[in-house]
Structure formats: structure tokens, C-alpha cells
Amino acid sequence: MKTIIAACSQNLSGSRASLQTALRTLLAVPWPSQRDVRSALQLLAVLQWVLSFLLLGTVSLLLLIYLLFTSLWLVPVLYLAWIIFDWDTPEKGGRRLASLRRWTVWKHFRDYFPVKLVKTHDLSPSHNYIIGSHPHGILCVGAFCNFITGSTGFEELFPGIRSFLTTLAGNFRLPVFREYLMSGGLYPVTRRAIGYLLSQKGTGNAVAIVIGGAAESLSCRPGVTTLILKNRKGFVRMALRHGAFLVPSFSFGENDLFRQVVFEEGSWMRSIQRRFQKMMGFAPCLFYGRGLMSCRSRGFLPYARPITTVVGEPVAVPRVENPSRELVDRYHELYISALLKLFNENKTKYGLSESDELHIL
């Protein structure tokens, strides 16, 4: 018995010593600094945003299809009925949640790059506006952060102005994803949706349109400032019909967030991208960014590069119910001139050299 008691005492002493050693080792490990915690939160904020835009729609669709063949089949059936009933809502003002713009997560998202909004001229609340957002980049980070989240202070810089952002109409056909987009204040880039925002909500509305669209994303790469704009005149026609002033904006640094494999014009891969774009509305890009665990590895997260979105001087536009082609061309040229002026006056301030030029195709 004494032998057993002695053995137990020895084991307890050894366990106590091991526990004390483990505690000392744990306490010796340095706790994360505030900077490390902020960096982790910023990375998580960007991760959830990228996953939401790349996967939420597809995963939700596949999940609903799967549920159709289970005992929960009534859930997708009821949701499908709801979508049919609610089909026109995205083009009739949507269901914007003001609280979503104030989420703390968007401040971490902003600080990851960071993203900054710069005002050069006032926008009067007595007018409506169409803001041209350039360039498209891969995922339109600057446009989203500045015109949707409110984390860069758009409402404070432009008091009395409500900002909206348009995106591909096809995104609003994806289940669950459509609700996510509408709650954030995104709308289809259609005449009906833009017309509603400019005619049914009074004045003080600013509708941001990424004019270059999917075609422009195919030429996105660091150091290149090429815009698809020369034959994009629909936004000018909409501005004339509703008397909305045209406002150029340029996000310096947008093209530096990802690396893309760019196929030359005339190559078979480029032709496949063009055909896919015409059929689906967006172009499949072969791009990569940083990895989740290290900025030196490759992954699908954007690189932490500063983005500065500069909003330029508004071009006054009259209201013309049926504008002629000549009138549309005239205001299209005025818009391009205002955009070039904005670019040239600010390029050296935000990472470009004096010799860099804006190429418009």
C-alpha cells in the first residue's frame, strides 16, 4: 500500500511540475499586438467579401437544387415562388438596408488596402447625377467601397447625396445573392433600374456605373490605364433623358490589386473570353492575388495596395426626352474631356508618373 501511495504522490508531483512548465511556456509566448489583431480583422473582412461575390450565388443555387430532392423540398419551392413574386424589385428601388452600410467590417475592409475617397468639387442636392467609375479592374473594389459601404465618408463629403452602384443584371437572378446585393444598395445596370433611381426618388441621387464593364476587365493589369469608353454612350443618353449631371471618377491603384494572364487580341483564348462575355455578360479572367496565410504566396485575395478614388467636376446636362445622336456625341466628348482632365491633374499624386497616359478605346 505504501508503495502505491508513494507512486501516486510521485505521479502527482510530476503532473504538477508538467502543468507548471506548460503554463510558464504559455505565458512566455508573446500575445498578439493590436497591429496583428487589426491586420487579421482586415484580412477576414476582405476574405468574406471575396467569397461572397465569387461563391455566394453559385453555392446558394446548388444548395437549393439539392434541397429539392430531400425532405426539405418545400423550402426551395417557397423561395422560388417568392423570387417570381419579387422579380421586378431590383429594378424598382430594391430593398436597401442603411444599417448594412455602417457595418464595422467595412472599415476593416477599407483599411486593408487602404481605400480613400477624394472630392474635387461639390455636388448639389438639387440635381441627380450619373457617376462614371473607372477603371473596372477585376472586382471593382474602389467602386464598392466608396459608393456602397460608406466607410470612406461619401455622405459626409457630399452632404445630401445618396450613392448607388449598378452591377450586372444577371447577378440578381441568383438566389440569396440577389437579396445580399439589394440589401447593400446595388442595382441592375439596366435602363429601367437607372431610370427609376433618377426619376422616382427625387433629387440628390448619384448612380455610379462602372462603364468599362466586363470588356475592360480583360485588359486589367498593373501599370496599364486602358479604358473601354469610346463607344459606350448609353449612360450619356440616360443622363440626357433625366437631366442627370455626368460626374467622372477614377480609382488610382485599382489595377494593381491582382495579376492577370492577359491574352493578346486575336488569340484563340481571347476569342473564347469575348464569346463568353457576350453570352453571360461577364468575362472569365485568369487572375491571382495573395494567399490567405502569406502575402508572398499566390491565392485569390487582392494584394494590399492603396486605392484612391477621385471624384471630378460634374458636367451639367440638360433634360432632353429624345436626345439626338449628335447631342449624345457632344456630351460624351465633354465627359471624356472632364475624365482626362481629372486623370492628368491627379496621376502624379497617386502613384503614376507624368508620362503615364490614359488610353481610351
Foldseek 3Di string as FASTA:
>chain_A
DVVVVVVVVVVVVVVVVVVVVVVVVVVVDDDDDPVRVLLLLLLVLLVVVVCLVPPVLVVQVVVLVVCCPDPNVVVSVVLVVVCVVCVCQLLQQFAEAPVQLVDPSLLSPCVLLPEAEAEDDEDDQQFEAEEAEDDCAQPNSNCCSVQFNCNNPPCVRHPNAHGAEEDAPVQCVGPPSVNVQRHRRYGHPDLSSVLNQLPVPHGRYYYYYNQQFQVSNLVQAPPAFEGAQPPRLPVLQSCQQRQHWYKYKYKPCSSVFKHWDHDDPPDPLVVVQVVCCVVPVHGDTHIWAADSPDRPHIHHGTHNHYIYMYIFDIHGHHHDNGDDPVNSVVVSVVNVVRNQVVCQVCVVVRPHDNPDHHHYD
